[in-house]
C-alpha atoms as a PDB file:
ATOM      1  CA  MET A   1      -2.748   1.793  51.234  1.00  0.00           C
ATOM      2  CA  LYS A   2      -3.282   3.950  48.150  1.00  0.00           C
ATOM      3  CA  ARG A   3      -6.843   4.005  46.833  1.00  0.00           C
ATOM      4  CA  LYS A   4      -7.395   2.342  43.475  1.00  0.00           C
ATOM      5  CA  LEU A   5      -8.300   4.698  40.650  1.00  0.00           C
ATOM      6  CA  LYS A   6     -11.823   4.073  39.379  1.00  0.00           C
ATOM      7  CA  ILE A   7     -11.823   3.843  35.583  1.00  0.00           C
ATOM      8  CA  ALA A   8     -14.846   3.795  33.259  1.00  0.00           C
ATOM      9  CA  VAL A   9     -13.770   2.209  29.966  1.00  0.00           C
ATOM     10  CA  LEU A  10     -16.073   3.652  27.299  1.00  0.00           C
ATOM     11  CA  ALA A  11     -16.649   1.478  24.229  1.00  0.00           C
ATOM     12  CA  GLY A  12     -18.973   0.941  21.269  1.00  0.00           C
ATOM     13  CA  GLY A  13     -21.065   3.887  20.139  1.00  0.00           C
ATOM     14  CA  PRO A  14     -22.878   4.799  16.894  1.00  0.00           C
ATOM     15  CA  SER A  15     -19.920   4.242  14.576  1.00  0.00           C
ATOM     16  CA  PHE A  16     -18.931   1.975  11.710  1.00  0.00           C
ATOM     17  CA  GLU A  17     -16.037   1.013  13.981  1.00  0.00           C
ATOM     18  CA  HIS A  18     -18.281  -0.178  16.842  1.00  0.00           C
ATOM     19  CA  GLU A  19     -16.924  -3.736  16.813  1.00  0.00           C
ATOM     20  CA  VAL A  20     -13.287  -2.606  16.641  1.00  0.00           C
ATOM     21  CA  SER A  21     -13.972  -0.399  19.647  1.00  0.00           C
ATOM     22  CA  LEU A  22     -15.194  -3.407  21.623  1.00  0.00           C
ATOM     23  CA  SER A  23     -11.982  -5.247  20.776  1.00  0.00           C
ATOM     24  CA  THR A  24      -9.893  -2.271  21.913  1.00  0.00           C
ATOM     25  CA  ALA A  25     -11.905  -2.085  25.149  1.00  0.00           C
ATOM     26  CA  GLN A  26     -11.337  -5.776  25.825  1.00  0.00           C
ATOM     27  CA  GLY A  27      -7.600  -5.246  25.430  1.00  0.00           C
ATOM     28  CA  VAL A  28      -7.695  -2.300  27.822  1.00  0.00           C
ATOM     29  CA  MET A  29      -9.786  -4.131  30.436  1.00  0.00           C
ATOM     30  CA  LYS A  30      -7.514  -7.166  30.271  1.00  0.00           C
ATOM     31  CA  ASN A  31      -4.325  -5.154  30.712  1.00  0.00           C
ATOM     32  CA  LEU A  32      -5.266  -2.501  33.274  1.00  0.00           C
ATOM     33  CA  ASN A  33      -3.247  -3.231  36.407  1.00  0.00           C
ATOM     34  CA  PRO A  34      -5.743  -4.544  39.017  1.00  0.00           C
ATOM     35  CA  GLN A  35      -3.408  -3.360  41.787  1.00  0.00           C
ATOM     36  CA  LYS A  36      -3.860   0.241  40.599  1.00  0.00           C
ATOM     37  CA  TYR A  37      -7.285   0.409  39.002  1.00  0.00           C
ATOM     38  CA  LYS A  38     -10.857  -0.663  39.527  1.00  0.00           C
ATOM     39  CA  ALA A  39     -12.327  -0.677  36.026  1.00  0.00           C
ATOM     40  CA  ARG A  40     -15.803  -1.111  34.595  1.00  0.00           C
ATOM     41  CA  LEU A  41     -16.687  -1.513  30.923  1.00  0.00           C
ATOM     42  CA  ILE A  42     -19.375   0.928  29.755  1.00  0.00           C
ATOM     43  CA  ILE A  43     -20.724  -0.076  26.328  1.00  0.00           C
ATOM     44  CA  ILE A  44     -22.605   2.654  24.461  1.00  0.00           C
ATOM     45  CA  ASP A  45     -24.999   1.041  21.975  1.00  0.00           C
ATOM     46  CA  LYS A  46     -25.185   1.687  18.235  1.00  0.00           C
ATOM     47  CA  LYS A  47     -27.930   4.270  18.758  1.00  0.00           C
ATOM     48  CA  GLY A  48     -25.763   6.248  21.181  1.00  0.00           C
ATOM     49  CA  LYS A  49     -27.616   5.146  24.313  1.00  0.00           C
ATOM     50  CA  TRP A  50     -25.528   5.022  27.504  1.00  0.00           C
ATOM     51  CA  PRO A  51     -26.144   2.269  30.099  1.00  0.00           C
ATOM     52  CA  LEU A  52     -25.075   4.730  32.790  1.00  0.00           C
ATOM     53  CA  ASP A  53     -25.868   8.433  32.860  1.00  0.00           C
ATOM     54  CA  PRO A  54     -22.788  10.722  32.553  1.00  0.00           C
ATOM     55  CA  LEU A  55     -23.698  12.358  35.873  1.00  0.00           C
ATOM     56  CA  LYS A  56     -23.503   8.965  37.571  1.00  0.00           C
ATOM     57  CA  ILE A  57     -20.220   8.263  35.799  1.00  0.00           C
ATOM     58  CA  LYS A  58     -18.856  11.522  37.206  1.00  0.00           C
ATOM     59  CA  LYS A  59     -19.881  10.511  40.728  1.00  0.00           C
ATOM     60  CA  GLN A  60     -18.689   6.904  40.517  1.00  0.00           C
ATOM     61  CA  PHE A  61     -15.430   7.171  38.536  1.00  0.00           C
ATOM     62  CA  ASP A  62     -12.224   9.197  38.554  1.00  0.00           C
ATOM     63  CA  LEU A  63     -11.582   9.019  34.820  1.00  0.00           C
ATOM     64  CA  CYS A  64     -13.008   7.772  31.525  1.00  0.00           C
ATOM     65  CA  PHE A  65     -10.746   5.722  29.287  1.00  0.00           C
ATOM     66  CA  ILE A  66     -12.066   6.294  25.761  1.00  0.00           C
ATOM     67  CA  ALA A  67     -11.724   3.012  23.872  1.00  0.00           C
ATOM     68  CA  MET A  68     -13.843   4.217  20.957  1.00  0.00           C
ATOM     69  CA  HIS A  69     -13.071   4.755  17.286  1.00  0.00           C
ATOM     70  CA  GLY A  70     -14.596   6.707  14.427  1.00  0.00           C
ATOM     71  CA  GLU A  71     -17.708   8.844  14.540  1.00  0.00           C
ATOM     72  CA  TYR A  72     -18.874   9.951  18.011  1.00  0.00           C
ATOM     73  CA  GLY A  73     -15.935   8.442  19.898  1.00  0.00           C
ATOM     74  CA  GLU A  74     -12.943   9.859  18.060  1.00  0.00           C
ATOM     75  CA  ASP A  75     -14.245  13.006  16.362  1.00  0.00           C
ATOM     76  CA  GLY A  76     -14.615  15.292  19.382  1.00  0.00           C
ATOM     77  CA  THR A  77     -18.244  14.455  20.163  1.00  0.00           C
ATOM     78  CA  ILE A  78     -17.772  12.345  23.279  1.00  0.00           C
ATOM     79  CA  GLN A  79     -14.820  14.517  24.276  1.00  0.00           C
ATOM     80  CA  GLY A  80     -17.107  17.568  24.240  1.00  0.00           C
ATOM     81  CA  LEU A  81     -19.716  15.751  26.298  1.00  0.00           C
ATOM     82  CA  LEU A  82     -17.166  14.736  28.925  1.00  0.00           C
ATOM     83  CA  GLU A  83     -15.761  18.288  28.967  1.00  0.00           C
ATOM     84  CA  ALA A  84     -19.251  19.619  29.659  1.00  0.00           C
ATOM     85  CA  TYR A  85     -19.533  17.314  32.688  1.00  0.00           C
ATOM     86  CA  GLN A  86     -15.908  18.050  33.690  1.00  0.00           C
ATOM     87  CA  ILE A  87     -15.023  14.359  33.621  1.00  0.00           C
ATOM     88  CA  PRO A  88     -11.322  13.620  32.991  1.00  0.00           C
ATOM     89  CA  TYR A  89     -10.762  11.425  29.925  1.00  0.00           C
ATOM     90  CA  THR A  90      -7.894   9.877  28.005  1.00  0.00           C
ATOM     91  CA  CYS A  91      -6.251  11.022  24.780  1.00  0.00           C
ATOM     92  CA  SER A  92      -6.893  14.168  22.754  1.00  0.00           C
ATOM     93  CA  GLY A  93      -9.340  16.967  23.450  1.00  0.00           C
ATOM     94  CA  VAL A  94     -12.224  18.222  21.323  1.00  0.00           C
ATOM     95  CA  LEU A  95     -10.267  20.226  18.741  1.00  0.00           C
ATOM     96  CA  ALA A  96      -7.445  17.738  18.141  1.00  0.00           C
ATOM     97  CA  SER A  97      -9.925  14.856  17.950  1.00  0.00           C
ATOM     98  CA  SER A  98     -12.024  16.733  15.409  1.00  0.00           C
ATOM     99  CA  LEU A  99      -9.003  17.668  13.294  1.00  0.00           C
ATOM    100  CA  GLY A 100      -7.558  14.171  13.401  1.00  0.00           C
ATOM    101  CA  MET A 101     -10.841  12.681  12.211  1.00  0.00           C
ATOM    102  CA  ASP A 102     -11.168  15.202   9.376  1.00  0.00           C
ATOM    103  CA  LYS A 103      -8.599  14.026   6.828  1.00  0.00           C
ATOM    104  CA  TRP A 104      -9.149  17.093   4.627  1.00  0.00           C
ATOM    105  CA  GLN A 105      -8.515  19.676   7.351  1.00  0.00           C
ATOM    106  CA  ALA A 106      -5.618  17.675   8.801  1.00  0.00           C
ATOM    107  CA  GLN A 107      -3.969  17.607   5.374  1.00  0.00           C
ATOM    108  CA  LYS A 108      -4.281  21.390   5.117  1.00  0.00           C
ATOM    109  CA  ILE A 109      -2.463  21.763   8.440  1.00  0.00           C
ATOM    110  CA  PHE A 110       0.217  19.253   7.446  1.00  0.00           C
ATOM    111  CA  THR A 111       0.772  21.127   4.175  1.00  0.00           C
ATOM    112  CA  LEU A 112       1.183  24.446   6.013  1.00  0.00           C
ATOM    113  CA  GLU A 113       3.690  22.796   8.367  1.00  0.00           C
ATOM    114  CA  GLY A 114       5.857  21.613   5.480  1.00  0.00           C
ATOM    115  CA  PHE A 115       4.992  17.902   5.375  1.00  0.00           C
ATOM    116  CA  ASN A 116       4.928  16.102   2.036  1.00  0.00           C
ATOM    117  CA  VAL A 117       1.213  15.544   1.418  1.00  0.00           C
ATOM    118  CA  PRO A 118      -0.198  13.648  -1.603  1.00  0.00           C
ATOM    119  CA  VAL A 119      -2.260  15.850  -3.935  1.00  0.00           C
ATOM    120  CA  THR A 120      -5.874  15.478  -2.824  1.00  0.00           C
ATOM    121  CA  TYR A 121      -9.278  16.708  -4.007  1.00  0.00           C
ATOM    122  CA  LEU A 122     -12.508  16.902  -2.010  1.00  0.00           C
ATOM    123  CA  ILE A 123     -15.811  15.934  -3.636  1.00  0.00           C
ATOM    124  CA  ASP A 124     -19.354  15.349  -2.429  1.00  0.00           C
ATOM    125  CA  LEU A 125     -22.553  13.738  -3.656  1.00  0.00           C
ATOM    126  CA  LYS A 126     -23.361  16.785  -5.793  1.00  0.00           C
ATOM    127  CA  THR A 127     -20.028  16.827  -7.626  1.00  0.00           C
ATOM    128  CA  PRO A 128     -20.672  16.175 -11.355  1.00  0.00           C
ATOM    129  CA  ARG A 129     -19.178  12.949 -12.691  1.00  0.00           C
ATOM    130  CA  GLN A 130     -17.490  14.969 -15.427  1.00  0.00           C
ATOM    131  CA  LYS A 131     -15.549  16.907 -12.789  1.00  0.00           C
ATOM    132  CA  ILE A 132     -14.616  13.693 -10.978  1.00  0.00           C
ATOM    133  CA  ASN A 133     -13.297  12.234 -14.227  1.00  0.00           C
ATOM    134  CA  LYS A 134     -11.208  15.384 -14.794  1.00  0.00           C
ATOM    135  CA  ILE A 135      -9.730  15.094 -11.290  1.00  0.00           C
ATOM    136  CA  ILE A 136      -8.782  11.460 -11.846  1.00  0.00           C
ATOM    137  CA  LYS A 137      -7.341  12.240 -15.279  1.00  0.00           C
ATOM    138  CA  LYS A 138      -5.249  15.015 -13.736  1.00  0.00           C
ATOM    139  CA  LEU A 139      -3.957  12.800 -10.923  1.00  0.00           C
ATOM    140  CA  LYS A 140      -3.509   9.792 -13.252  1.00  0.00           C
ATOM    141  CA  LEU A 141      -4.404   6.274 -12.207  1.00  0.00           C
ATOM    142  CA  PRO A 142      -3.992   4.688  -9.744  1.00  0.00           C
ATOM    143  CA  VAL A 143      -5.711   6.958  -7.231  1.00  0.00           C
ATOM    144  CA  VAL A 144      -6.938   6.482  -3.669  1.00  0.00           C
ATOM    145  CA  ILE A 145     -10.620   7.115  -2.929  1.00  0.00           C
ATOM    146  CA  LYS A 146     -11.644   7.318   0.723  1.00  0.00           C
ATOM    147  CA  PRO A 147     -14.236   8.886   3.060  1.00  0.00           C
ATOM    148  CA  ARG A 148     -13.318  12.243   4.588  1.00  0.00           C
ATOM    149  CA  HIS A 149     -14.147  11.385   8.194  1.00  0.00           C
ATOM    150  CA  VAL A 150     -14.039   7.589   8.673  1.00  0.00           C
ATOM    151  CA  GLY A 151     -11.136   5.729  10.289  1.00  0.00           C
ATOM    152  CA  SER A 152      -9.750   2.171  10.330  1.00  0.00           C
ATOM    153  CA  SER A 153      -9.393   2.337   6.516  1.00  0.00           C
ATOM    154  CA  VAL A 154     -13.153   1.770   6.204  1.00  0.00           C
ATOM    155  CA  GLY A 155     -14.488   2.587   2.723  1.00  0.00           C
ATOM    156  CA  ILE A 156     -11.068   3.084   1.151  1.00  0.00           C
ATOM    157  CA  SER A 157     -10.113   1.819  -2.333  1.00  0.00           C
ATOM    158  CA  ILE A 158      -7.076   1.955  -4.577  1.00  0.00           C
ATOM    159  CA  VAL A 159      -8.453   2.503  -8.083  1.00  0.00           C
ATOM    160  CA  LYS A 160      -6.182   1.087 -10.774  1.00  0.00           C
ATOM    161  CA  ASN A 161      -8.487   1.232 -13.801  1.00  0.00           C
ATOM    162  CA  LYS A 162     -11.490   3.205 -15.066  1.00  0.00           C
ATOM    163  CA  LYS A 163     -13.871   0.285 -14.548  1.00  0.00           C
ATOM    164  CA  SER A 164     -13.285   0.418 -10.779  1.00  0.00           C
ATOM    165  CA  ILE A 165     -14.048   4.126 -10.314  1.00  0.00           C
ATOM    166  CA  SER A 166     -17.841   3.870  -9.890  1.00  0.00           C
ATOM    167  CA  LEU A 167     -17.580   1.006  -7.411  1.00  0.00           C
ATOM    168  CA  ALA A 168     -14.959   2.859  -5.344  1.00  0.00           C
ATOM    169  CA  LEU A 169     -17.100   6.004  -5.263  1.00  0.00           C
ATOM    170  CA  ARG A 170     -20.188   4.066  -4.158  1.00  0.00           C
ATOM    171  CA  LYS A 171     -18.165   2.283  -1.493  1.00  0.00           C
ATOM    172  CA  ALA A 172     -16.790   5.533  -0.035  1.00  0.00           C
ATOM    173  CA  PHE A 173     -20.143   7.342  -0.191  1.00  0.00           C
ATOM    174  CA  GLN A 174     -21.689   4.557   1.908  1.00  0.00           C
ATOM    175  CA  TYR A 175     -19.731   5.935   4.855  1.00  0.00           C
ATOM    176  CA  ASP A 176     -19.558   9.692   4.267  1.00  0.00           C
ATOM    177  CA  GLN A 177     -21.198  12.465   2.247  1.00  0.00           C
ATOM    178  CA  GLU A 178     -17.778  13.860   1.363  1.00  0.00           C
ATOM    179  CA  ILE A 179     -14.868  11.839   0.043  1.00  0.00           C
ATOM    180  CA  LEU A 180     -11.260  12.408  -0.965  1.00  0.00           C
ATOM    181  CA  ILE A 181      -9.621  11.521  -4.268  1.00  0.00           C
ATOM    182  CA  GLN A 182      -5.895  11.331  -3.644  1.00  0.00           C
ATOM    183  CA  LYS A 183      -2.816  10.731  -5.728  1.00  0.00           C
ATOM    184  CA  TYR A 184      -1.538   7.214  -5.079  1.00  0.00           C
ATOM    185  CA  ILE A 185       2.011   7.105  -3.757  1.00  0.00           C
ATOM    186  CA  LYS A 186       3.741   3.803  -4.388  1.00  0.00           C
ATOM    187  CA  GLY A 187       6.090   2.866  -1.586  1.00  0.00           C
ATOM    188  CA  ARG A 188       6.485   1.245   1.796  1.00  0.00           C
ATOM    189  CA  GLU A 189       3.757   1.762   4.389  1.00  0.00           C
ATOM    190  CA  VAL A 190       5.143   2.845   7.750  1.00  0.00           C
ATOM    191  CA  THR A 191       3.526   4.095  10.932  1.00  0.00           C
ATOM    192  CA  CYS A 192       4.766   5.558  14.197  1.00  0.00           C
ATOM    193  CA  GLY A 193       3.077   6.032  17.544  1.00  0.00           C
ATOM    194  CA  VAL A 194       3.652   8.861  20.008  1.00  0.00           C
ATOM    195  CA  LEU A 195       3.030   8.971  23.762  1.00  0.00           C
ATOM    196  CA  ASP A 196       3.146  11.906  26.155  1.00  0.00           C
ATOM    197  CA  GLN A 197       2.606  12.745  29.812  1.00  0.00           C
ATOM    198  CA  GLY A 198      -0.156  15.292  29.340  1.00  0.00           C
ATOM    199  CA  SER A 199       1.681  18.082  27.531  1.00  0.00           C
ATOM    200  CA  LEU A 200       3.141  18.555  24.054  1.00  0.00           C
ATOM    201  CA  GLU A 201       6.566  19.221  25.576  1.00  0.00           C
ATOM    202  CA  SER A 202       6.585  15.766  27.177  1.00  0.00           C
ATOM    203  CA  ALA A 203       5.785  13.852  23.970  1.00  0.00           C
ATOM    204  CA  TRP A 204       8.132  11.238  22.543  1.00  0.00           C
ATOM    205  CA  PRO A 205       7.947   8.917  19.514  1.00  0.00           C
ATOM    206  CA  LEU A 206       7.822   5.146  19.690  1.00  0.00           C
ATOM    207  CA  ILE A 207       9.701   2.782  17.389  1.00  0.00           C
ATOM    208  CA  PRO A 208       8.141   2.849  13.885  1.00  0.00           C
ATOM    209  CA  THR A 209       6.603  -0.155  12.168  1.00  0.00           C
ATOM    210  CA  GLU A 210       6.543  -1.156   8.513  1.00  0.00           C
ATOM    211  CA  ILE A 211       3.309  -2.784   7.372  1.00  0.00           C
ATOM    212  CA  ILE A 212       3.330  -5.319   4.557  1.00  0.00           C
ATOM    213  CA  PRO A 213      -0.239  -6.463   3.752  1.00  0.00           C
ATOM    214  CA  GLN A 214      -0.284 -10.163   2.890  1.00  0.00           C
ATOM    215  CA  LYS A 215      -3.751 -10.497   1.351  1.00  0.00           C
ATOM    216  CA  ASP A 216      -4.588  -6.991   0.160  1.00  0.00           C
ATOM    217  CA  ALA A 217      -2.882  -4.237  -1.784  1.00  0.00           C
ATOM    218  CA  PHE A 218      -2.751  -1.906   1.211  1.00  0.00           C
ATOM    219  CA  PHE A 219      -3.328  -1.728   4.963  1.00  0.00           C
ATOM    220  CA  ASN A 220      -7.127  -1.817   4.838  1.00  0.00           C
ATOM    221  CA  TYR A 221      -9.687  -2.759   7.504  1.00  0.00           C
ATOM    222  CA  ARG A 222      -9.083  -6.494   7.102  1.00  0.00           C
ATOM    223  CA  ALA A 223      -5.298  -6.122   7.142  1.00  0.00           C
ATOM    224  CA  LYS A 224      -5.546  -4.062  10.336  1.00  0.00           C
ATOM    225  CA  TYR A 225      -7.696  -6.389  12.394  1.00  0.00           C
ATOM    226  CA  MET A 226      -7.385  -9.932  11.028  1.00  0.00           C
ATOM    227  CA  PRO A 227      -4.494 -11.876  12.580  1.00  0.00           C
ATOM    228  CA  GLY A 228      -1.980 -12.787   9.895  1.00  0.00           C
ATOM    229  CA  ALA A 229      -3.478 -10.423   7.303  1.00  0.00           C
ATOM    230  CA  SER A 230      -0.375  -8.235   7.377  1.00  0.00           C
ATOM    231  CA  LEU A 231       3.284  -8.563   8.230  1.00  0.00           C
ATOM    232  CA  GLU A 232       4.385  -5.906  10.727  1.00  0.00           C
ATOM    233  CA  ILE A 233       8.088  -5.243  11.170  1.00  0.00           C
ATOM    234  CA  THR A 234       9.174  -3.220  14.218  1.00  0.00           C
ATOM    235  CA  PRO A 235      11.546  -1.515  13.607  1.00  0.00           C
ATOM    236  CA  PRO A 236      11.431  -1.341   9.801  1.00  0.00           C
ATOM    237  CA  LYS A 237      14.377  -2.528   7.750  1.00  0.00           C
ATOM    238  CA  LEU A 238      15.228   1.018   6.757  1.00  0.00           C
ATOM    239  CA  PRO A 239      18.325   3.202   7.223  1.00  0.00           C
ATOM    240  CA  ALA A 240      18.622   4.734  10.700  1.00  0.00           C
ATOM    241  CA  THR A 241      18.308   8.217   9.181  1.00  0.00           C
ATOM    242  CA  ILE A 242      14.907   7.341   7.691  1.00  0.00           C
ATOM    243  CA  ILE A 243      13.682   5.798  10.949  1.00  0.00           C
ATOM    244  CA  LYS A 244      14.684   8.974  12.792  1.00  0.00           C
ATOM    245  CA  GLU A 245      12.862  11.063  10.188  1.00  0.00           C
ATOM    246  CA  ILE A 246       9.699   8.979  10.620  1.00  0.00           C
ATOM    247  CA  GLN A 247       9.893   9.522  14.387  1.00  0.00           C
ATOM    248  CA  LYS A 248      10.564  13.233  13.931  1.00  0.00           C
ATOM    249  CA  GLN A 249       7.573  13.698  11.640  1.00  0.00           C
ATOM    250  CA  ALA A 250       5.241  11.587  13.807  1.00  0.00           C
ATOM    251  CA  LEU A 251       6.180  13.717  16.809  1.00  0.00           C
ATOM    252  CA  LEU A 252       5.644  16.934  14.841  1.00  0.00           C
ATOM    253  CA  ALA A 253       2.256  15.707  13.571  1.00  0.00           C
ATOM    254  CA  HIS A 254       1.222  14.923  17.163  1.00  0.00           C
ATOM    255  CA  LYS A 255       2.160  18.455  18.177  1.00  0.00           C
ATOM    256  CA  VAL A 256       0.700  20.457  15.271  1.00  0.00           C
ATOM    257  CA  ILE A 257      -2.674  18.718  15.583  1.00  0.00           C
ATOM    258  CA  GLY A 258      -2.497  19.258  19.356  1.00  0.00           C
ATOM    259  CA  CYS A 259      -2.857  15.624  20.398  1.00  0.00           C
ATOM    260  CA  SER A 260      -2.612  14.387  23.954  1.00  0.00           C
ATOM    261  CA  GLY A 261      -1.750  11.070  25.555  1.00  0.00           C
ATOM    262  CA  MET A 262      -1.319   9.016  22.418  1.00  0.00           C
ATOM    263  CA  SER A 263      -1.412   9.215  18.627  1.00  0.00           C
ATOM    264  CA  ARG A 264      -0.254   7.245  15.615  1.00  0.00           C
ATOM    265  CA  THR A 265       0.679   8.719  12.251  1.00  0.00           C
ATOM    266  CA  ASP A 266       0.741   6.806   8.969  1.00  0.00           C
ATOM    267  CA  PHE A 267       3.210   7.455   6.157  1.00  0.00           C
ATOM    268  CA  ILE A 268       4.389   6.164   2.792  1.00  0.00           C
ATOM    269  CA  PHE A 269       8.128   6.077   2.055  1.00  0.00           C
ATOM    270  CA  ASP A 270       8.769   6.058  -1.708  1.00  0.00           C
ATOM    271  CA  ASN A 271      12.557   5.543  -1.355  1.00  0.00           C
ATOM    272  CA  ARG A 272      13.089   9.285  -1.743  1.00  0.00           C
ATOM    273  CA  LYS A 273      10.505  11.104   0.348  1.00  0.00           C
ATOM    274  CA  LEU A 274       8.314  10.441   3.343  1.00  0.00           C
ATOM    275  CA  TRP A 275       4.653  11.221   2.628  1.00  0.00           C
ATOM    276  CA  ILE A 276       2.205  11.779   5.471  1.00  0.00           C
ATOM    277  CA  LEU A 277      -1.205  10.146   5.055  1.00  0.00           C
ATOM    278  CA  GLU A 278      -3.164  10.692   8.271  1.00  0.00           C
ATOM    279  CA  ILE A 279      -3.037  10.827  12.049  1.00  0.00           C
ATOM    280  CA  ASN A 280      -5.028   8.656  14.464  1.00  0.00           C
ATOM    281  CA  THR A 281      -5.879  10.351  17.759  1.00  0.00           C
ATOM    282  CA  ILE A 282      -7.180   7.118  19.332  1.00  0.00           C
ATOM    283  CA  PRO A 283      -5.191   4.318  17.707  1.00  0.00           C
ATOM    284  CA  GLY A 284      -6.488   0.788  18.056  1.00  0.00           C
ATOM    285  CA  LEU A 285      -5.440  -1.152  21.138  1.00  0.00           C
ATOM    286  CA  THR A 286      -6.626  -4.567  19.971  1.00  0.00           C
ATOM    287  CA  PRO A 287      -4.423  -7.690  20.216  1.00  0.00           C
ATOM    288  CA  THR A 288      -3.201  -7.024  16.644  1.00  0.00           C
ATOM    289  CA  SER A 289      -2.743  -3.250  17.016  1.00  0.00           C
ATOM    290  CA  LEU A 290       0.442  -1.366  16.266  1.00  0.00           C
ATOM    291  CA  VAL A 291       0.943   1.077  19.153  1.00  0.00           C
ATOM    292  CA  PRO A 292       1.198  -1.651  21.837  1.00  0.00           C
ATOM    293  CA  GLN A 293       3.660  -3.456  19.577  1.00  0.00           C
ATOM    294  CA  GLU A 294       5.770  -0.317  19.122  1.00  0.00           C
ATOM    295  CA  ALA A 295       5.708   0.428  22.845  1.00  0.00           C
ATOM    296  CA  GLN A 296       6.778  -3.142  23.608  1.00  0.00           C
ATOM    297  CA  ALA A 297       9.753  -2.688  21.268  1.00  0.00           C
ATOM    298  CA  MET A 298      10.854   0.154  23.580  1.00  0.00           C
ATOM    299  CA  GLY A 299      10.466  -2.015  26.681  1.00  0.00           C
ATOM    300  CA  ILE A 300       7.036  -0.628  27.608  1.00  0.00           C
ATOM    301  CA  ASN A 301       4.507  -3.417  28.084  1.00  0.00           C
ATOM    302  CA  TYR A 302       0.768  -2.992  27.484  1.00  0.00           C
ATOM    303  CA  SER A 303      -0.055  -2.328  31.157  1.00  0.00           C
ATOM    304  CA  GLN A 304       2.730   0.247  31.478  1.00  0.00           C
ATOM    305  CA  MET A 305       1.522   1.942  28.301  1.00  0.00           C
ATOM    306  CA  LEU A 306      -1.971   2.230  29.792  1.00  0.00           C
ATOM    307  CA  ASP A 307      -0.418   3.744  32.938  1.00  0.00           C
ATOM    308  CA  ILE A 308       1.234   6.401  30.752  1.00  0.00           C
ATOM    309  CA  ILE A 309      -2.001   7.188  28.886  1.00  0.00           C
ATOM    310  CA  ILE A 310      -3.998   7.452  32.134  1.00  0.00           C
ATOM    311  CA  GLY A 311      -1.283   9.547  33.780  1.00  0.00           C
ATOM    312  CA  ALA A 312      -1.281  11.908  30.799  1.00  0.00           C
ATOM    313  CA  ALA A 313      -5.045  12.367  31.102  1.00  0.00           C
ATOM    314  CA  LEU A 314      -4.853  13.122  34.825  1.00  0.00           C
ATOM    315  CA  ASN A 315      -1.995  15.588  34.301  1.00  0.00           C
ATOM    316  CA  ARG A 316      -3.803  17.362  31.464  1.00  0.00           C
ATOM    317  CA  PHE A 317      -7.005  17.707  33.450  1.00  0.00           C
ATOM    318  CA  LYS A 318      -5.128  18.854  36.565  1.00  0.00           C
ATOM    319  CA  ASN A 319      -3.272  21.520  34.584  1.00  0.00           C
ATOM    320  CA  LYS A 320      -6.535  22.746  33.035  1.00  0.00           C
ATOM    321  CA  CYS A 321      -8.018  23.217  36.489  1.00  0.00           C
ATOM    322  CA  ILE A 322      -5.097  25.241  37.903  1.00  0.00           C
END
């Protein structure tokens, strides 16, 4: 009888997305095949304290499944720690995780690779208000204001009038010392996940999803995680050529950032062009999340999807050690 793989599911951590991470971890724990895996949930607290030392994790488990989002869990920090202990882990490595979390640097790469990227400016706490006003005047309202490094649409605002600018800036600066002011692209919000088997050559796109927020103007934190807060259509009611283009660009984004295991890329389609917004190197795996839904549309259930992600991690680590 084949030995069950021992999995440490890492969750929580010192991030604004701590609670979302716990929800993702619950989904993972619930759907890991008990015939294949023996899993334990390891919750890192909001101060970054581990209940089990990494050395003990290395001795007791075969692999860490990272079910963490945002700072510490998705930005390359925990990936670097696990690399140092030579513990296999799921999804992207240090560099890809860091790039995916840094919206500014990711946009630079996407621009160099020929993607359509909304015009974006980077500001910080020291940027004079006069300069900020000039940027907004140049872009023309509405604009999008969002933190540089935070995920799950935390701290993001669509600013439609001058009265809302100060509030949007304060909101974004609560989460990051640097924020982006971006040209607002009106259109249909679409997203597409990608899975692989541990190498870029093995990657393939899932079926895209169109997101229609029901209570908010865009796919914000509430729309992402509150049941019924958004209408998600998989596949989108778009021409086949556009769906193929979404898949093509999601796959290319996965590759140019250097992702592994899984990613999800968000776009806006303005009826003429497809605009890339950002890539998620550890997409949510909560009951309302998009990647499980897209995988299911391809005939891959949640448990099978987790098998693929775990297999990719084992293959990547094995190839690194050859």
